[in-house]
Amino acid sequence: MKQIDTESQIEVFAAGKDSSLYEYKIKLDKIKNELVKFGLTQNQSKVYVYLGKYGAKTAPEVVKSLGMPRTETYFILNTLQNKGIVTAEFSSPTRYTALPIEQAISTLINTEKENLDILARQEKQVTDMWKEVPTFAVETTETKQDRLQTMEGTGQIYSKIKEMMRTAREQIVIFGSEKDISRFYHSEIIEMAFNSIIDARVIISPALRMPDFLNEFDKKKIRVIPDEQNNNQCFVIKDSDEIMLFLRNAAHPSHNVFAMWSNSKSLNEPLRKLFEYSWENSQLCY
């Protein structure tokens, strides 16, 4: 393991492009951003990384090294202890040590799983209480309005797509790049589509042949388009009443994927026509 002197350790977080430490700063910044996905704040991630890479430190040392407010630093150290990824030594002054990264991530994941289990158990209780309260909305004769919902991150987007598939009555069509379809496959979206009793079709663009991970499915329902002009297009259409249109597709990191859901027929119809036109001008996979 590479060792860096104490003074350099303190400077690494503020290293400029002309510094020999800049390479480490970039990697540590990426690690901090990844840890945020596991439920930490930016400053919590920063403190964990500092302790994890630079060894046991007292709270005043953390304050001095990271330039963070004293009160916030003590609060963060206490929070990281409660999360189970930082331990405190029985010494005076108290010294704090970070768990190895593998253990820390495993601990954070298990905590999230436990929280989800608790929410799942509370679902019925909340739903029952909701049903006990009458609806106070006044019924009107207004026609149904088109709705639109923007979503960011693959988690909620894929959850909505799966909901669309569960409620589909006639057809699901999917258009996307090989990378888009790969993410759909690993999220079980493709399997849901092809294993349902409804008609399901997939167009991959751009692609010269069907990806190997789709070999288990009916090749008659999958086509490819080699044209590079379609590499940024991705959408899923359910029946004639719902669409998920990706504004940022799998070319971006999963947490930066951005999509728009709508039940607008005026939006659904032209994209459905685009799919049918593309289907007629695509290539079979066998």
C-alpha atoms as a PDB file:
ATOM      1  CA  MET A   1       0.000   0.000   0.000  1.00  0.00           C
ATOM      2  CA  LYS A   2       1.318   3.440  -0.886  1.00  0.00           C
ATOM      3  CA  GLN A   3       2.170   5.670   2.055  1.00  0.00           C
ATOM      4  CA  ILE A   4       1.940   9.477   1.995  1.00  0.00           C
ATOM      5  CA  ASP A   5       3.341  11.820   4.626  1.00  0.00           C
ATOM      6  CA  THR A   6       0.956  13.480   7.075  1.00  0.00           C
ATOM      7  CA  GLU A   7       1.142  16.926   5.483  1.00  0.00           C
ATOM      8  CA  SER A   8       0.282  15.500   2.072  1.00  0.00           C
ATOM      9  CA  GLN A   9      -2.596  13.566   3.569  1.00  0.00           C
ATOM     10  CA  ILE A  10      -4.201  16.829   4.636  1.00  0.00           C
ATOM     11  CA  GLU A  11      -3.590  18.479   1.284  1.00  0.00           C
ATOM     12  CA  VAL A  12      -4.955  15.696  -0.928  1.00  0.00           C
ATOM     13  CA  PHE A  13      -8.597  16.828  -0.676  1.00  0.00           C
ATOM     14  CA  ALA A  14      -7.643  20.262  -2.027  1.00  0.00           C
ATOM     15  CA  ALA A  15      -4.984  19.118  -4.510  1.00  0.00           C
ATOM     16  CA  GLY A  16      -4.867  21.085  -7.755  1.00  0.00           C
ATOM     17  CA  LYS A  17      -4.297  19.726 -11.255  1.00  0.00           C
ATOM     18  CA  ASP A  18      -0.584  20.539 -11.028  1.00  0.00           C
ATOM     19  CA  SER A  19      -0.190  18.528  -7.814  1.00  0.00           C
ATOM     20  CA  SER A  20       1.185  14.996  -7.692  1.00  0.00           C
ATOM     21  CA  LEU A  21      -1.776  14.192  -5.421  1.00  0.00           C
ATOM     22  CA  TYR A  22      -4.427  15.249  -7.950  1.00  0.00           C
ATOM     23  CA  GLU A  23      -4.847  11.666  -9.222  1.00  0.00           C
ATOM     24  CA  TYR A  24      -5.712  10.538  -5.686  1.00  0.00           C
ATOM     25  CA  LYS A  25      -8.099  13.464  -5.184  1.00  0.00           C
ATOM     26  CA  ILE A  26     -10.087  12.512  -8.307  1.00  0.00           C
ATOM     27  CA  LYS A  27     -10.388   8.897  -7.161  1.00  0.00           C
ATOM     28  CA  LEU A  28     -11.403   9.898  -3.651  1.00  0.00           C
ATOM     29  CA  ASP A  29     -14.042  12.262  -5.060  1.00  0.00           C
ATOM     30  CA  LYS A  30     -15.476   9.386  -7.103  1.00  0.00           C
ATOM     31  CA  ILE A  31     -15.505   7.152  -4.037  1.00  0.00           C
ATOM     32  CA  LYS A  32     -17.334   9.842  -2.030  1.00  0.00           C
ATOM     33  CA  ASN A  33     -19.963  10.165  -4.761  1.00  0.00           C
ATOM     34  CA  GLU A  34     -20.444   6.401  -4.858  1.00  0.00           C
ATOM     35  CA  LEU A  35     -20.860   6.226  -1.072  1.00  0.00           C
ATOM     36  CA  VAL A  36     -23.680   8.770  -1.320  1.00  0.00           C
ATOM     37  CA  LYS A  37     -25.644   6.098  -3.217  1.00  0.00           C
ATOM     38  CA  PHE A  38     -25.461   3.943  -0.080  1.00  0.00           C
ATOM     39  CA  GLY A  39     -27.174   6.558   2.069  1.00  0.00           C
ATOM     40  CA  LEU A  40     -24.343   8.821   3.227  1.00  0.00           C
ATOM     41  CA  THR A  41     -24.198  12.582   2.774  1.00  0.00           C
ATOM     42  CA  GLN A  42     -21.249  14.182   0.997  1.00  0.00           C
ATOM     43  CA  ASN A  43     -19.656  15.275   4.286  1.00  0.00           C
ATOM     44  CA  GLN A  44     -20.291  11.901   5.920  1.00  0.00           C
ATOM     45  CA  SER A  45     -18.576  10.263   2.960  1.00  0.00           C
ATOM     46  CA  LYS A  46     -15.681  12.691   3.229  1.00  0.00           C
ATOM     47  CA  VAL A  47     -15.139  11.948   6.915  1.00  0.00           C
ATOM     48  CA  TYR A  48     -15.377   8.190   6.337  1.00  0.00           C
ATOM     49  CA  VAL A  49     -12.846   8.362   3.479  1.00  0.00           C
ATOM     50  CA  TYR A  50     -10.481  10.466   5.582  1.00  0.00           C
ATOM     51  CA  LEU A  51     -10.581   8.018   8.484  1.00  0.00           C
ATOM     52  CA  GLY A  52     -10.430   5.023   6.186  1.00  0.00           C
ATOM     53  CA  LYS A  53      -7.379   6.189   4.283  1.00  0.00           C
ATOM     54  CA  TYR A  54      -5.483   8.141   6.936  1.00  0.00           C
ATOM     55  CA  GLY A  55      -6.054   6.006  10.021  1.00  0.00           C
ATOM     56  CA  ALA A  56      -7.537   6.645  13.461  1.00  0.00           C
ATOM     57  CA  LYS A  57      -8.045  10.348  14.226  1.00  0.00           C
ATOM     58  CA  THR A  58      -9.498  12.461  17.003  1.00  0.00           C
ATOM     59  CA  ALA A  59     -12.406  14.797  16.327  1.00  0.00           C
ATOM     60  CA  PRO A  60     -10.157  17.916  16.513  1.00  0.00           C
ATOM     61  CA  GLU A  61      -7.815  16.331  13.958  1.00  0.00           C
ATOM     62  CA  VAL A  62     -10.739  15.726  11.610  1.00  0.00           C
ATOM     63  CA  VAL A  63     -11.892  19.334  12.059  1.00  0.00           C
ATOM     64  CA  LYS A  64      -8.415  20.694  11.312  1.00  0.00           C
ATOM     65  CA  SER A  65      -7.688  18.394   8.368  1.00  0.00           C
ATOM     66  CA  LEU A  66     -11.021  18.715   6.573  1.00  0.00           C
ATOM     67  CA  GLY A  67     -11.824  22.306   7.532  1.00  0.00           C
ATOM     68  CA  MET A  68     -15.307  21.379   8.694  1.00  0.00           C
ATOM     69  CA  PRO A  69     -17.247  23.103  11.506  1.00  0.00           C
ATOM     70  CA  ARG A  70     -16.580  21.537  14.912  1.00  0.00           C
ATOM     71  CA  THR A  71     -20.242  20.915  15.804  1.00  0.00           C
ATOM     72  CA  GLU A  72     -20.992  19.318  12.426  1.00  0.00           C
ATOM     73  CA  THR A  73     -17.899  17.108  12.665  1.00  0.00           C
ATOM     74  CA  TYR A  74     -18.903  15.700  16.063  1.00  0.00           C
ATOM     75  CA  PHE A  75     -22.433  15.111  14.772  1.00  0.00           C
ATOM     76  CA  ILE A  76     -21.113  13.289  11.675  1.00  0.00           C
ATOM     77  CA  LEU A  77     -18.772  11.098  13.712  1.00  0.00           C
ATOM     78  CA  ASN A  78     -21.670  10.149  15.981  1.00  0.00           C
ATOM     79  CA  THR A  79     -23.875   9.428  12.956  1.00  0.00           C
ATOM     80  CA  LEU A  80     -21.242   7.224  11.327  1.00  0.00           C
ATOM     81  CA  GLN A  81     -20.937   5.284  14.590  1.00  0.00           C
ATOM     82  CA  ASN A  82     -24.709   4.795  14.661  1.00  0.00           C
ATOM     83  CA  LYS A  83     -24.555   3.544  11.064  1.00  0.00           C
ATOM     84  CA  GLY A  84     -21.981   0.993  12.183  1.00  0.00           C
ATOM     85  CA  ILE A  85     -19.153   2.013   9.837  1.00  0.00           C
ATOM     86  CA  VAL A  86     -16.969   3.969  12.308  1.00  0.00           C
ATOM     87  CA  THR A  87     -15.807   2.845  15.750  1.00  0.00           C
ATOM     88  CA  ALA A  88     -14.574   4.915  18.716  1.00  0.00           C
ATOM     89  CA  GLU A  89     -11.598   3.865  20.826  1.00  0.00           C
ATOM     90  CA  PHE A  90     -11.691   4.020  24.623  1.00  0.00           C
ATOM     91  CA  SER A  91      -8.967   6.667  24.877  1.00  0.00           C
ATOM     92  CA  SER A  92      -8.591  10.284  25.852  1.00  0.00           C
ATOM     93  CA  PRO A  93      -9.091  12.060  23.579  1.00  0.00           C
ATOM     94  CA  THR A  94     -11.355   9.640  21.706  1.00  0.00           C
ATOM     95  CA  ARG A  95      -9.962   8.365  18.422  1.00  0.00           C
ATOM     96  CA  TYR A  96     -12.233   7.278  15.573  1.00  0.00           C
ATOM     97  CA  THR A  97     -11.529   4.462  13.105  1.00  0.00           C
ATOM     98  CA  ALA A  98     -13.355   3.559   9.887  1.00  0.00           C
ATOM     99  CA  LEU A  99     -14.336  -0.016   9.082  1.00  0.00           C
ATOM    100  CA  PRO A 100     -12.747  -1.513   5.939  1.00  0.00           C
ATOM    101  CA  ILE A 101     -14.655  -0.422   2.845  1.00  0.00           C
ATOM    102  CA  GLU A 102     -16.033  -3.921   2.145  1.00  0.00           C
ATOM    103  CA  GLN A 103     -17.508  -4.190   5.638  1.00  0.00           C
ATOM    104  CA  ALA A 104     -18.811  -0.625   5.546  1.00  0.00           C
ATOM    105  CA  ILE A 105     -20.675  -1.106   2.256  1.00  0.00           C
ATOM    106  CA  SER A 106     -22.061  -4.456   3.412  1.00  0.00           C
ATOM    107  CA  THR A 107     -23.282  -2.824   6.629  1.00  0.00           C
ATOM    108  CA  LEU A 108     -24.952   0.036   4.731  1.00  0.00           C
ATOM    109  CA  ILE A 109     -26.638  -2.377   2.315  1.00  0.00           C
ATOM    110  CA  ASN A 110     -27.959  -4.563   5.122  1.00  0.00           C
ATOM    111  CA  THR A 111     -29.316  -1.479   6.885  1.00  0.00           C
ATOM    112  CA  GLU A 112     -31.190  -0.428   3.745  1.00  0.00           C
ATOM    113  CA  LYS A 113     -32.588  -3.946   3.361  1.00  0.00           C
ATOM    114  CA  GLU A 114     -33.838  -3.905   6.953  1.00  0.00           C
ATOM    115  CA  ASN A 115     -35.464  -0.514   6.377  1.00  0.00           C
ATOM    116  CA  LEU A 116     -37.203  -1.849   3.261  1.00  0.00           C
ATOM    117  CA  ASP A 117     -38.425  -4.898   5.193  1.00  0.00           C
ATOM    118  CA  ILE A 118     -39.878  -2.620   7.867  1.00  0.00           C
ATOM    119  CA  LEU A 119     -41.631  -0.500   5.227  1.00  0.00           C
ATOM    120  CA  ALA A 120     -43.011  -3.619   3.551  1.00  0.00           C
ATOM    121  CA  ARG A 121     -44.467  -4.822   6.865  1.00  0.00           C
ATOM    122  CA  GLN A 122     -46.038  -1.409   7.465  1.00  0.00           C
ATOM    123  CA  GLU A 123     -47.593  -1.242   4.006  1.00  0.00           C
ATOM    124  CA  LYS A 124     -50.805  -3.076   4.931  1.00  0.00           C
ATOM    125  CA  GLN A 125     -51.227  -1.055   8.121  1.00  0.00           C
ATOM    126  CA  VAL A 126     -50.925   2.261   6.279  1.00  0.00           C
ATOM    127  CA  THR A 127     -53.186   1.056   3.450  1.00  0.00           C
ATOM    128  CA  ASP A 128     -55.892  -0.089   5.879  1.00  0.00           C
ATOM    129  CA  MET A 129     -55.823   3.244   7.736  1.00  0.00           C
ATOM    130  CA  TRP A 130     -56.038   5.078   4.413  1.00  0.00           C
ATOM    131  CA  LYS A 131     -59.162   3.136   3.437  1.00  0.00           C
ATOM    132  CA  GLU A 132     -60.810   3.974   6.759  1.00  0.00           C
ATOM    133  CA  VAL A 133     -60.754   7.703   5.930  1.00  0.00           C
ATOM    134  CA  PRO A 134     -63.439   8.720   3.390  1.00  0.00           C
ATOM    135  CA  THR A 135     -62.548  10.535   0.185  1.00  0.00           C
ATOM    136  CA  PHE A 136     -63.603  14.169   0.275  1.00  0.00           C
ATOM    137  CA  ALA A 137     -62.997  14.976  -3.386  1.00  0.00           C
ATOM    138  CA  VAL A 138     -66.053  16.223  -5.252  1.00  0.00           C
ATOM    139  CA  GLU A 139     -66.875  14.225  -8.363  1.00  0.00           C
ATOM    140  CA  THR A 140     -67.106  16.283 -11.554  1.00  0.00           C
ATOM    141  CA  THR A 141     -67.979  15.622 -15.166  1.00  0.00           C
ATOM    142  CA  GLU A 142     -64.614  16.903 -16.392  1.00  0.00           C
ATOM    143  CA  THR A 143     -62.928  14.805 -19.057  1.00  0.00           C
ATOM    144  CA  LYS A 144     -59.815  12.832 -18.194  1.00  0.00           C
ATOM    145  CA  GLN A 145     -56.693  14.992 -18.434  1.00  0.00           C
ATOM    146  CA  ASP A 146     -53.354  13.916 -19.809  1.00  0.00           C
ATOM    147  CA  ARG A 147     -50.757  13.454 -17.091  1.00  0.00           C
ATOM    148  CA  LEU A 148     -46.988  13.690 -17.104  1.00  0.00           C
ATOM    149  CA  GLN A 149     -44.384  12.605 -14.555  1.00  0.00           C
ATOM    150  CA  THR A 150     -40.631  13.134 -14.718  1.00  0.00           C
ATOM    151  CA  MET A 151     -38.310  10.595 -13.100  1.00  0.00           C
ATOM    152  CA  GLU A 152     -34.582  10.405 -12.413  1.00  0.00           C
ATOM    153  CA  GLY A 153     -32.543   7.292 -11.581  1.00  0.00           C
ATOM    154  CA  THR A 154     -33.073   3.739 -12.779  1.00  0.00           C
ATOM    155  CA  GLY A 155     -34.717   2.619  -9.532  1.00  0.00           C
ATOM    156  CA  GLN A 156     -37.986   4.512  -9.781  1.00  0.00           C
ATOM    157  CA  ILE A 157     -37.992   4.453 -13.609  1.00  0.00           C
ATOM    158  CA  TYR A 158     -37.700   0.668 -13.823  1.00  0.00           C
ATOM    159  CA  SER A 159     -40.259   0.254 -11.049  1.00  0.00           C
ATOM    160  CA  LYS A 160     -42.740   2.299 -13.105  1.00  0.00           C
ATOM    161  CA  ILE A 161     -42.008   0.274 -16.253  1.00  0.00           C
ATOM    162  CA  LYS A 162     -42.690  -2.962 -14.360  1.00  0.00           C
ATOM    163  CA  GLU A 163     -45.975  -1.495 -13.136  1.00  0.00           C
ATOM    164  CA  MET A 164     -46.854  -0.681 -16.764  1.00  0.00           C
ATOM    165  CA  MET A 165     -46.169  -4.293 -17.736  1.00  0.00           C
ATOM    166  CA  ARG A 166     -48.245  -5.725 -14.909  1.00  0.00           C
ATOM    167  CA  THR A 167     -51.248  -3.673 -16.015  1.00  0.00           C
ATOM    168  CA  ALA A 168     -50.794  -4.115 -19.793  1.00  0.00           C
ATOM    169  CA  ARG A 169     -53.759  -5.645 -21.583  1.00  0.00           C
ATOM    170  CA  GLU A 170     -52.619  -5.870 -25.202  1.00  0.00           C
ATOM    171  CA  GLN A 171     -49.050  -4.985 -25.993  1.00  0.00           C
ATOM    172  CA  ILE A 172     -45.643  -3.817 -24.776  1.00  0.00           C
ATOM    173  CA  VAL A 173     -43.072  -2.472 -27.232  1.00  0.00           C
ATOM    174  CA  ILE A 174     -39.512  -1.508 -26.314  1.00  0.00           C
ATOM    175  CA  PHE A 175     -37.055   0.545 -28.357  1.00  0.00           C
ATOM    176  CA  GLY A 176     -33.494   1.177 -27.189  1.00  0.00           C
ATOM    177  CA  SER A 177     -29.764   0.742 -27.669  1.00  0.00           C
ATOM    178  CA  GLU A 178     -28.002  -2.491 -26.769  1.00  0.00           C
ATOM    179  CA  LYS A 179     -26.903  -0.902 -23.503  1.00  0.00           C
ATOM    180  CA  ASP A 180     -30.497   0.128 -22.706  1.00  0.00           C
ATOM    181  CA  ILE A 181     -31.785  -3.368 -23.450  1.00  0.00           C
ATOM    182  CA  SER A 182     -28.975  -4.879 -21.370  1.00  0.00           C
ATOM    183  CA  ARG A 183     -30.047  -2.838 -18.340  1.00  0.00           C
ATOM    184  CA  PHE A 184     -33.668  -3.821 -18.937  1.00  0.00           C
ATOM    185  CA  TYR A 185     -32.586  -7.475 -19.108  1.00  0.00           C
ATOM    186  CA  HIS A 186     -30.637  -7.367 -15.840  1.00  0.00           C
ATOM    187  CA  SER A 187     -33.581  -5.594 -14.168  1.00  0.00           C
ATOM    188  CA  GLU A 188     -35.906  -8.442 -15.316  1.00  0.00           C
ATOM    189  CA  ILE A 189     -37.937  -6.063 -17.490  1.00  0.00           C
ATOM    190  CA  ILE A 190     -37.288  -8.029 -20.694  1.00  0.00           C
ATOM    191  CA  GLU A 191     -38.218 -11.286 -18.970  1.00  0.00           C
ATOM    192  CA  MET A 192     -41.447  -9.759 -17.676  1.00  0.00           C
ATOM    193  CA  ALA A 193     -42.348  -8.575 -21.172  1.00  0.00           C
ATOM    194  CA  PHE A 194     -41.715 -11.874 -22.974  1.00  0.00           C
ATOM    195  CA  ASN A 195     -43.161 -14.094 -20.254  1.00  0.00           C
ATOM    196  CA  SER A 196     -46.470 -12.231 -20.199  1.00  0.00           C
ATOM    197  CA  ILE A 197     -49.511 -13.292 -22.196  1.00  0.00           C
ATOM    198  CA  ILE A 198     -49.525  -9.998 -24.094  1.00  0.00           C
ATOM    199  CA  ASP A 199     -47.742  -9.242 -27.361  1.00  0.00           C
ATOM    200  CA  ALA A 200     -44.200  -7.991 -26.717  1.00  0.00           C
ATOM    201  CA  ARG A 201     -41.641  -6.759 -29.240  1.00  0.00           C
ATOM    202  CA  VAL A 202     -38.163  -5.256 -28.923  1.00  0.00           C
ATOM    203  CA  ILE A 203     -36.096  -3.166 -31.340  1.00  0.00           C
ATOM    204  CA  ILE A 204     -32.378  -2.708 -30.649  1.00  0.00           C
ATOM    205  CA  SER A 205     -30.759   0.267 -32.353  1.00  0.00           C
ATOM    206  CA  PRO A 206     -27.978   0.566 -33.241  1.00  0.00           C
ATOM    207  CA  ALA A 207     -27.025  -3.111 -33.448  1.00  0.00           C
ATOM    208  CA  LEU A 208     -25.813  -5.527 -36.110  1.00  0.00           C
ATOM    209  CA  ARG A 209     -27.042  -8.663 -34.375  1.00  0.00           C
ATOM    210  CA  MET A 210     -29.027  -9.786 -31.366  1.00  0.00           C
ATOM    211  CA  PRO A 211     -27.015  -9.724 -28.114  1.00  0.00           C
ATOM    212  CA  ASP A 212     -26.234 -13.153 -26.667  1.00  0.00           C
ATOM    213  CA  PHE A 213     -28.115 -12.435 -23.436  1.00  0.00           C
ATOM    214  CA  LEU A 214     -31.390 -12.429 -25.430  1.00  0.00           C
ATOM    215  CA  ASN A 215     -30.882 -15.902 -26.954  1.00  0.00           C
ATOM    216  CA  GLU A 216     -33.372 -17.448 -24.515  1.00  0.00           C
ATOM    217  CA  PHE A 217     -36.245 -15.374 -25.910  1.00  0.00           C
ATOM    218  CA  ASP A 218     -38.342 -15.645 -29.089  1.00  0.00           C
ATOM    219  CA  LYS A 219     -36.174 -14.226 -31.884  1.00  0.00           C
ATOM    220  CA  LYS A 220     -39.243 -13.398 -33.951  1.00  0.00           C
ATOM    221  CA  LYS A 221     -40.065 -10.696 -31.426  1.00  0.00           C
ATOM    222  CA  ILE A 222     -36.643  -9.038 -31.531  1.00  0.00           C
ATOM    223  CA  ARG A 223     -35.211  -6.959 -34.376  1.00  0.00           C
ATOM    224  CA  VAL A 224     -32.125  -4.818 -34.871  1.00  0.00           C
ATOM    225  CA  ILE A 225     -31.336  -1.604 -36.741  1.00  0.00           C
ATOM    226  CA  PRO A 226     -27.687  -0.897 -37.593  1.00  0.00           C
ATOM    227  CA  ASP A 227     -28.309   2.840 -38.107  1.00  0.00           C
ATOM    228  CA  GLU A 228     -26.221   4.880 -35.620  1.00  0.00           C
ATOM    229  CA  GLN A 229     -28.727   7.744 -35.723  1.00  0.00           C
ATOM    230  CA  ASN A 230     -30.946   5.975 -33.198  1.00  0.00           C
ATOM    231  CA  ASN A 231     -28.338   5.419 -30.486  1.00  0.00           C
ATOM    232  CA  ASN A 232     -29.882   8.002 -28.139  1.00  0.00           C
ATOM    233  CA  GLN A 233     -33.515   6.925 -28.472  1.00  0.00           C
ATOM    234  CA  CYS A 234     -35.152   4.781 -25.835  1.00  0.00           C
ATOM    235  CA  PHE A 235     -38.816   4.339 -24.983  1.00  0.00           C
ATOM    236  CA  VAL A 236     -41.341   1.802 -23.701  1.00  0.00           C
ATOM    237  CA  ILE A 237     -44.994   1.876 -24.770  1.00  0.00           C
ATOM    238  CA  LYS A 238     -47.812   0.064 -23.005  1.00  0.00           C
ATOM    239  CA  ASP A 239     -50.994  -0.574 -24.994  1.00  0.00           C
ATOM    240  CA  SER A 240     -52.104   2.796 -26.340  1.00  0.00           C
ATOM    241  CA  ASP A 241     -52.279   4.668 -23.083  1.00  0.00           C
ATOM    242  CA  GLU A 242     -48.872   4.856 -21.352  1.00  0.00           C
ATOM    243  CA  ILE A 243     -45.337   5.651 -22.438  1.00  0.00           C
ATOM    244  CA  MET A 244     -41.941   5.942 -20.745  1.00  0.00           C
ATOM    245  CA  LEU A 245     -39.665   8.164 -22.839  1.00  0.00           C
ATOM    246  CA  PHE A 246     -36.008   8.355 -21.826  1.00  0.00           C
ATOM    247  CA  LEU A 247     -34.464  11.803 -22.082  1.00  0.00           C
ATOM    248  CA  ARG A 248     -31.138  10.474 -20.778  1.00  0.00           C
ATOM    249  CA  ASN A 249     -30.714   6.775 -21.480  1.00  0.00           C
ATOM    250  CA  ALA A 250     -28.142   4.141 -20.524  1.00  0.00           C
ATOM    251  CA  ALA A 251     -25.347   6.189 -22.092  1.00  0.00           C
ATOM    252  CA  HIS A 252     -25.373   7.967 -18.695  1.00  0.00           C
ATOM    253  CA  PRO A 253     -24.649   6.575 -15.195  1.00  0.00           C
ATOM    254  CA  SER A 254     -27.651   4.790 -13.665  1.00  0.00           C
ATOM    255  CA  HIS A 255     -28.330   7.582 -11.152  1.00  0.00           C
ATOM    256  CA  ASN A 256     -28.343  10.174 -13.981  1.00  0.00           C
ATOM    257  CA  VAL A 257     -30.815   8.358 -16.225  1.00  0.00           C
ATOM    258  CA  PHE A 258     -33.779  10.685 -16.775  1.00  0.00           C
ATOM    259  CA  ALA A 259     -37.180   9.775 -18.216  1.00  0.00           C
ATOM    260  CA  MET A 260     -40.705  11.078 -18.654  1.00  0.00           C
ATOM    261  CA  TRP A 261     -43.849   8.995 -18.132  1.00  0.00           C
ATOM    262  CA  SER A 262     -47.144  10.072 -19.673  1.00  0.00           C
ATOM    263  CA  ASN A 263     -50.601   8.753 -20.492  1.00  0.00           C
ATOM    264  CA  SER A 264     -50.978  11.269 -23.318  1.00  0.00           C
ATOM    265  CA  LYS A 265     -52.308   9.706 -26.506  1.00  0.00           C
ATOM    266  CA  SER A 266     -50.951  12.636 -28.526  1.00  0.00           C
ATOM    267  CA  LEU A 267     -47.450  11.646 -27.360  1.00  0.00           C
ATOM    268  CA  ASN A 268     -48.080   7.910 -27.527  1.00  0.00           C
ATOM    269  CA  GLU A 269     -49.356   7.802 -31.099  1.00  0.00           C
ATOM    270  CA  PRO A 270     -46.360   9.304 -32.971  1.00  0.00           C
ATOM    271  CA  LEU A 271     -43.890   7.161 -31.006  1.00  0.00           C
ATOM    272  CA  ARG A 272     -45.952   4.061 -31.685  1.00  0.00           C
ATOM    273  CA  LYS A 273     -45.915   4.922 -35.395  1.00  0.00           C
ATOM    274  CA  LEU A 274     -42.138   5.409 -35.172  1.00  0.00           C
ATOM    275  CA  PHE A 275     -41.822   1.961 -33.602  1.00  0.00           C
ATOM    276  CA  GLU A 276     -43.979   0.301 -36.271  1.00  0.00           C
ATOM    277  CA  TYR A 277     -42.077   2.053 -39.067  1.00  0.00           C
ATOM    278  CA  SER A 278     -38.767   1.010 -37.500  1.00  0.00           C
ATOM    279  CA  TRP A 279     -40.042  -2.550 -37.085  1.00  0.00           C
ATOM    280  CA  GLU A 280     -40.892  -2.791 -40.781  1.00  0.00           C
ATOM    281  CA  ASN A 281     -37.459  -1.461 -41.744  1.00  0.00           C
ATOM    282  CA  SER A 282     -35.439  -3.464 -39.210  1.00  0.00           C
ATOM    283  CA  GLN A 283     -33.599  -6.752 -39.549  1.00  0.00           C
ATOM    284  CA  LEU A 284     -34.609 -10.119 -38.180  1.00  0.00           C
ATOM    285  CA  CYS A 285     -32.305 -11.775 -35.649  1.00  0.00           C
ATOM    286  CA  TYR A 286     -32.234 -15.253 -37.208  1.00  0.00           C
END
